[in-house]
N, C-alpha and C. Protein backbone atom coordinates (compact mmCIF):
# COMPACT_ATOMS: atom_id res chain seq x y z
N MET A 1 -11.70 -14.50 -8.51
CA MET A 1 -10.66 -15.38 -8.78
C MET A 1 -11.14 -17.17 -8.42
N LYS A 2 -11.01 -18.43 -9.44
CA LYS A 2 -11.58 -19.62 -9.34
C LYS A 2 -10.27 -20.36 -10.01
N ASP A 3 -9.38 -21.09 -9.26
CA ASP A 3 -8.53 -21.97 -10.06
C ASP A 3 -7.53 -21.28 -10.62
N GLY A 4 -6.95 -20.02 -10.13
CA GLY A 4 -6.35 -18.87 -10.71
C GLY A 4 -7.18 -19.04 -12.50
N VAL A 5 -8.17 -18.83 -12.61
CA VAL A 5 -8.34 -17.93 -13.45
C VAL A 5 -9.35 -16.65 -13.26
N VAL A 6 -8.59 -15.38 -14.00
CA VAL A 6 -9.55 -14.48 -13.48
C VAL A 6 -11.02 -14.44 -14.86
N ARG A 7 -12.13 -14.03 -14.24
CA ARG A 7 -13.17 -14.09 -15.35
C ARG A 7 -13.96 -12.74 -15.10
N CYS A 8 -13.92 -12.11 -16.00
CA CYS A 8 -14.12 -10.59 -16.01
C CYS A 8 -14.94 -10.33 -17.33
N THR A 9 -15.77 -9.11 -16.97
CA THR A 9 -16.19 -8.70 -18.44
C THR A 9 -15.68 -7.55 -19.10
N TYR A 10 -15.67 -6.61 -20.03
CA TYR A 10 -15.49 -5.37 -20.35
C TYR A 10 -16.46 -4.67 -20.97
N HIS A 11 -16.16 -3.40 -20.79
CA HIS A 11 -17.56 -2.53 -21.02
C HIS A 11 -16.96 -1.65 -21.19
N GLU A 12 -16.99 -1.49 -22.80
CA GLU A 12 -16.19 -0.37 -23.40
C GLU A 12 -16.64 0.97 -23.08
N ASP A 13 -17.94 1.22 -22.67
CA ASP A 13 -18.45 2.58 -22.55
C ASP A 13 -18.92 2.79 -20.80
N SER A 14 -17.79 1.79 -20.21
CA SER A 14 -17.67 2.34 -18.51
C SER A 14 -16.73 2.93 -17.93
N ARG A 15 -15.61 3.52 -19.13
CA ARG A 15 -14.61 3.84 -18.53
C ARG A 15 -14.97 5.56 -17.68
N SER A 16 -14.75 6.00 -16.69
CA SER A 16 -14.82 6.79 -16.21
C SER A 16 -14.69 8.21 -17.35
N GLY A 17 -16.17 9.09 -16.82
CA GLY A 17 -15.81 10.28 -17.77
C GLY A 17 -16.69 10.15 -18.75
N THR A 18 -16.96 8.80 -19.39
CA THR A 18 -17.77 8.24 -20.48
C THR A 18 -19.00 8.35 -20.06
N PRO A 19 -19.99 9.46 -20.88
CA PRO A 19 -21.77 9.81 -20.77
C PRO A 19 -22.18 8.13 -20.40
N GLY A 20 -22.83 8.04 -19.40
CA GLY A 20 -23.53 6.47 -19.50
C GLY A 20 -22.88 5.61 -18.59
N ALA A 21 -21.67 6.03 -18.09
CA ALA A 21 -20.56 5.19 -17.32
C ALA A 21 -21.47 4.66 -16.12
N ASP A 22 -21.79 6.01 -15.35
CA ASP A 22 -22.49 5.49 -13.89
C ASP A 22 -23.51 4.47 -14.00
N LYS A 23 -24.22 3.41 -15.01
CA LYS A 23 -25.03 2.89 -15.10
C LYS A 23 -24.43 1.34 -14.41
N TYR A 24 -23.13 1.18 -14.63
CA TYR A 24 -22.39 -0.04 -13.83
C TYR A 24 -22.44 0.26 -12.53
N LYS A 25 -22.56 -0.79 -11.74
CA LYS A 25 -22.19 -0.77 -10.52
C LYS A 25 -21.22 -1.69 -10.25
N VAL A 26 -19.98 -0.70 -10.27
CA VAL A 26 -18.41 -1.83 -9.77
C VAL A 26 -17.79 -2.62 -8.96
N LYS A 27 -17.74 -3.45 -8.99
CA LYS A 27 -17.36 -4.18 -7.36
C LYS A 27 -16.11 -4.24 -7.72
N GLY A 28 -15.06 -4.26 -8.36
CA GLY A 28 -13.69 -4.05 -8.22
C GLY A 28 -12.84 -4.06 -9.79
N ASN A 29 -11.91 -3.33 -9.80
CA ASN A 29 -11.15 -3.00 -10.55
C ASN A 29 -9.87 -3.79 -10.59
N ILE A 30 -9.16 -4.16 -11.87
CA ILE A 30 -8.16 -4.71 -12.38
C ILE A 30 -7.33 -3.53 -12.67
N HIS A 31 -5.60 -3.62 -12.06
CA HIS A 31 -5.06 -2.88 -12.70
C HIS A 31 -3.13 -3.68 -12.67
N TRP A 32 -3.11 -4.24 -14.05
CA TRP A 32 -2.16 -4.57 -14.04
C TRP A 32 -0.83 -4.09 -15.16
N VAL A 33 0.06 -5.08 -15.05
CA VAL A 33 1.26 -4.27 -15.68
C VAL A 33 1.92 -4.92 -16.66
N SER A 34 2.05 -5.03 -17.89
CA SER A 34 2.89 -6.34 -18.70
C SER A 34 3.78 -6.74 -18.28
N ALA A 35 4.00 -7.98 -17.71
CA ALA A 35 5.33 -8.32 -17.60
C ALA A 35 6.61 -8.25 -18.90
N ARG A 36 6.31 -8.53 -19.61
CA ARG A 36 7.10 -7.96 -20.55
C ARG A 36 7.55 -6.66 -20.69
N HIS A 37 6.39 -5.49 -20.55
CA HIS A 37 7.34 -4.22 -20.10
C HIS A 37 7.60 -3.98 -19.13
N ALA A 38 7.23 -4.38 -17.88
CA ALA A 38 7.51 -3.89 -16.44
C ALA A 38 8.75 -3.76 -16.70
N HIS A 39 8.95 -2.54 -15.41
CA HIS A 39 10.04 -1.86 -14.83
C HIS A 39 10.41 -2.96 -13.54
N ALA A 40 11.53 -3.14 -13.68
CA ALA A 40 11.48 -4.22 -12.46
C ALA A 40 13.13 -3.10 -11.68
N ALA A 41 12.12 -2.66 -9.84
CA ALA A 41 13.13 -1.72 -9.05
C ALA A 41 13.03 -2.56 -8.15
N PRO A 42 13.96 -1.76 -7.11
CA PRO A 42 13.53 -1.94 -5.50
C PRO A 42 12.70 -1.32 -4.96
N VAL A 43 11.78 -1.80 -4.35
CA VAL A 43 10.61 -1.16 -3.24
C VAL A 43 10.60 -1.50 -2.26
N ARG A 44 10.86 -0.25 -0.89
CA ARG A 44 11.19 -0.74 0.73
C ARG A 44 9.76 -0.26 1.00
N LEU A 45 9.21 -1.58 2.03
CA LEU A 45 7.94 -1.28 2.40
C LEU A 45 8.11 -0.74 3.95
N TYR A 46 8.16 0.35 4.69
CA TYR A 46 8.48 0.71 5.79
C TYR A 46 6.78 0.50 6.77
N ASP A 47 7.69 0.04 7.98
CA ASP A 47 5.86 -0.35 8.93
C ASP A 47 6.61 0.37 10.20
N ARG A 48 5.84 0.11 11.18
CA ARG A 48 6.34 0.98 12.53
C ARG A 48 7.66 0.14 12.96
N LEU A 49 8.41 1.27 13.30
CA LEU A 49 10.02 1.07 13.90
C LEU A 49 9.58 0.06 15.62
N PHE A 50 8.55 0.36 15.94
CA PHE A 50 7.95 -0.13 17.75
C PHE A 50 6.77 -1.15 17.47
N THR A 51 7.16 -2.52 18.25
CA THR A 51 5.35 -2.79 18.02
C THR A 51 4.71 -2.53 19.42
N GLN A 52 5.35 -1.45 19.97
CA GLN A 52 4.49 -1.02 21.22
C GLN A 52 4.20 0.78 21.45
N ALA A 53 3.27 0.90 21.67
CA ALA A 53 3.38 2.59 21.58
C ALA A 53 3.99 3.10 22.88
N GLN A 54 4.31 2.00 23.96
CA GLN A 54 5.83 2.78 24.96
C GLN A 54 6.26 1.85 24.66
N PRO A 55 7.40 1.87 24.08
CA PRO A 55 8.49 0.82 23.72
C PRO A 55 9.27 0.74 24.75
N GLU A 56 10.03 -0.66 25.14
CA GLU A 56 11.09 -0.86 25.93
C GLU A 56 12.12 -1.04 24.67
N PHE A 57 13.31 -1.08 25.14
CA PHE A 57 14.39 -1.34 24.04
C PHE A 57 15.01 -2.50 24.70
N PRO A 58 15.53 -3.55 23.93
CA PRO A 58 15.72 -3.45 22.24
C PRO A 58 14.42 -4.88 22.10
N GLN A 59 13.73 -4.82 22.95
CA GLN A 59 12.89 -6.18 22.30
C GLN A 59 11.32 -5.69 22.17
N ASP A 60 10.97 -4.45 22.12
CA ASP A 60 9.70 -3.93 21.40
C ASP A 60 10.26 -3.14 19.93
N LEU A 61 11.28 -3.55 19.42
CA LEU A 61 11.91 -3.24 18.13
C LEU A 61 11.11 -3.92 16.99
N ASN A 62 10.72 -3.65 15.50
CA ASN A 62 9.65 -4.52 15.15
C ASN A 62 10.41 -5.14 13.90
N ALA A 63 11.12 -6.10 14.02
CA ALA A 63 11.43 -6.91 12.88
C ALA A 63 11.52 -6.95 11.60
N ASP A 64 9.96 -6.46 11.43
CA ASP A 64 9.53 -6.56 9.96
C ASP A 64 9.17 -5.06 9.81
N SER A 65 10.02 -3.82 10.56
CA SER A 65 9.82 -2.84 10.13
C SER A 65 10.01 -2.07 8.82
N LEU A 66 11.37 -2.96 8.25
CA LEU A 66 11.51 -2.74 6.50
C LEU A 66 11.72 -4.38 5.86
N ARG A 67 10.80 -4.30 4.76
CA ARG A 67 10.91 -5.15 4.04
C ARG A 67 11.05 -4.56 2.23
N THR A 68 12.41 -5.13 1.75
CA THR A 68 12.83 -5.10 0.46
C THR A 68 11.87 -5.90 -0.38
N ILE A 69 11.58 -5.17 -1.45
CA ILE A 69 10.73 -6.29 -2.42
C ILE A 69 11.22 -5.88 -4.24
N THR A 70 11.31 -6.65 -4.74
CA THR A 70 11.66 -6.37 -6.19
C THR A 70 10.21 -5.88 -7.15
N GLY A 71 9.57 -4.82 -7.37
CA GLY A 71 8.54 -4.56 -7.64
C GLY A 71 8.55 -4.45 -9.21
N GLN A 72 7.48 -4.83 -10.07
CA GLN A 72 7.24 -4.58 -11.40
C GLN A 72 6.21 -3.57 -11.58
N LEU A 73 6.67 -2.46 -11.54
CA LEU A 73 6.02 -1.43 -12.31
C LEU A 73 6.40 -1.08 -13.17
N GLU A 74 5.22 0.12 -13.86
CA GLU A 74 4.89 0.90 -15.25
C GLU A 74 6.24 1.09 -15.87
N PRO A 75 6.29 1.37 -17.00
CA PRO A 75 7.69 1.41 -17.60
C PRO A 75 7.97 2.48 -17.77
N ALA A 76 7.11 3.81 -17.38
CA ALA A 76 7.28 5.16 -17.32
C ALA A 76 8.21 5.45 -16.07
N LEU A 77 8.05 4.37 -14.90
CA LEU A 77 8.75 5.38 -13.99
C LEU A 77 10.15 5.04 -13.87
N ALA A 78 10.51 3.67 -15.00
CA ALA A 78 12.15 3.77 -15.17
C ALA A 78 12.50 5.15 -14.84
N ALA A 79 11.72 6.34 -15.66
CA ALA A 79 12.38 7.42 -15.73
C ALA A 79 12.35 8.84 -14.52
N ALA A 80 11.85 7.78 -13.76
CA ALA A 80 11.24 8.57 -12.26
C ALA A 80 12.78 9.65 -11.34
N LYS A 81 12.91 10.21 -11.53
CA LYS A 81 13.67 11.18 -10.66
C LYS A 81 13.75 11.34 -9.43
N PRO A 82 14.87 11.24 -8.58
CA PRO A 82 14.99 11.23 -7.34
C PRO A 82 13.99 12.12 -6.35
N GLY A 83 13.23 12.10 -5.55
CA GLY A 83 12.44 13.29 -4.93
C GLY A 83 10.96 13.35 -5.59
N GLU A 84 10.41 12.46 -6.29
CA GLU A 84 9.49 12.38 -7.45
C GLU A 84 8.67 11.40 -6.42
N SER A 85 7.21 11.59 -6.32
CA SER A 85 6.63 10.78 -5.54
C SER A 85 5.43 10.12 -6.24
N PHE A 86 5.09 9.29 -5.88
CA PHE A 86 4.04 8.44 -6.74
C PHE A 86 3.25 7.83 -5.22
N GLN A 87 1.63 7.55 -6.23
CA GLN A 87 1.02 6.91 -5.48
C GLN A 87 1.10 5.21 -6.35
N PHE A 88 1.08 4.15 -5.35
CA PHE A 88 0.81 2.86 -6.29
C PHE A 88 -0.13 2.18 -5.38
N GLU A 89 -1.34 1.82 -6.67
CA GLU A 89 -2.66 1.73 -6.12
C GLU A 89 -2.84 0.74 -5.28
N ARG A 90 -3.53 0.82 -4.02
CA ARG A 90 -3.63 0.04 -2.79
C ARG A 90 -2.66 -0.34 -2.30
N HIS A 91 -1.23 0.60 -2.24
CA HIS A 91 -0.45 -0.10 -1.68
C HIS A 91 0.17 1.19 -0.48
N GLY A 92 -0.05 2.41 -1.62
CA GLY A 92 0.32 3.58 -0.71
C GLY A 92 1.09 5.04 -1.55
N TYR A 93 2.00 5.81 -0.90
CA TYR A 93 2.62 6.80 -1.35
C TYR A 93 4.44 6.39 -1.39
N PHE A 94 4.71 6.74 -2.61
CA PHE A 94 6.55 6.10 -2.39
C PHE A 94 6.90 7.43 -3.02
N THR A 95 8.25 7.60 -2.12
CA THR A 95 9.08 8.52 -3.25
C THR A 95 10.24 7.54 -3.34
N VAL A 96 10.95 8.89 -4.60
CA VAL A 96 12.50 7.88 -5.22
C VAL A 96 13.24 8.40 -4.57
N ASP A 97 14.33 7.31 -5.03
CA ASP A 97 16.01 7.88 -4.52
C ASP A 97 16.82 6.92 -5.52
N ARG A 98 18.15 7.26 -5.56
CA ARG A 98 18.71 6.51 -6.28
C ARG A 98 19.00 5.23 -6.11
N GLY A 99 18.51 4.89 -5.03
CA GLY A 99 18.29 3.08 -4.88
C GLY A 99 16.81 2.41 -4.89
N GLY A 100 15.91 3.13 -5.32
CA GLY A 100 14.35 3.06 -5.78
C GLY A 100 13.55 3.09 -4.71
N PHE A 101 12.47 2.54 -4.88
CA PHE A 101 11.15 3.36 -3.89
C PHE A 101 10.94 3.28 -2.47
N ASN A 102 10.59 3.71 -2.10
CA ASN A 102 10.49 4.19 -0.79
C ASN A 102 8.88 4.49 -0.23
N ARG A 103 8.09 3.17 0.36
CA ARG A 103 6.82 3.89 0.88
C ARG A 103 7.22 5.04 1.62
N THR A 104 5.97 5.66 2.04
CA THR A 104 6.69 7.26 2.93
C THR A 104 4.68 7.14 3.48
N VAL A 105 3.93 7.00 3.03
CA VAL A 105 2.26 6.63 3.61
C VAL A 105 1.63 5.60 2.88
N THR A 106 1.50 4.80 3.89
CA THR A 106 0.51 3.61 3.69
C THR A 106 -1.32 4.34 3.57
N LEU A 107 -1.64 3.16 2.85
CA LEU A 107 -3.40 3.79 2.49
C LEU A 107 -3.80 2.92 3.99
N ARG A 108 -4.92 3.27 3.83
CA ARG A 108 -5.80 2.90 5.04
C ARG A 108 -6.34 1.34 4.37
N ASP A 109 -6.36 0.14 5.49
CA ASP A 109 -6.13 -0.58 5.08
C ASP A 109 -8.15 -1.17 5.30
N SER A 110 -8.88 -1.24 4.56
CA SER A 110 -9.86 -1.15 5.01
C SER A 110 -10.80 -2.80 5.57
N ARG A 111 -9.94 -3.90 4.75
CA ARG A 111 -10.36 -5.22 5.30
C ARG A 111 -9.83 -5.47 6.61
N LYS A 112 -8.80 -4.60 7.03
CA LYS A 112 -9.22 -5.09 8.68
C LYS A 112 -9.98 -4.70 9.66
N LYS A 113 -11.12 -4.27 9.04
CA LYS A 113 -11.98 -3.41 9.88
C LYS A 113 -12.67 -5.19 10.88
């Protein structure tokens, strides 16, 4: 992305499972949700409760252990029922309750290496 512009090429014959699709070396995938059709919902992003492996109280409590955002989700998730689980691409696994979506497991961040 440069100057807020995404440049890409769509190869119709590159869809996973299509014969010959493996001839392309994919550098990245784009996953998007239509703003007009998205389902806005609360998403709770949990992180470690403590900043140290052997915490001292209360100074080692992680002030950022919970962040709540409003996610723009696939429209089908509007019908999600409490207890159901989903993977949000590049973010982790989430479980639904009456108040929204809760991250239960993060994905390994390969960028931190």
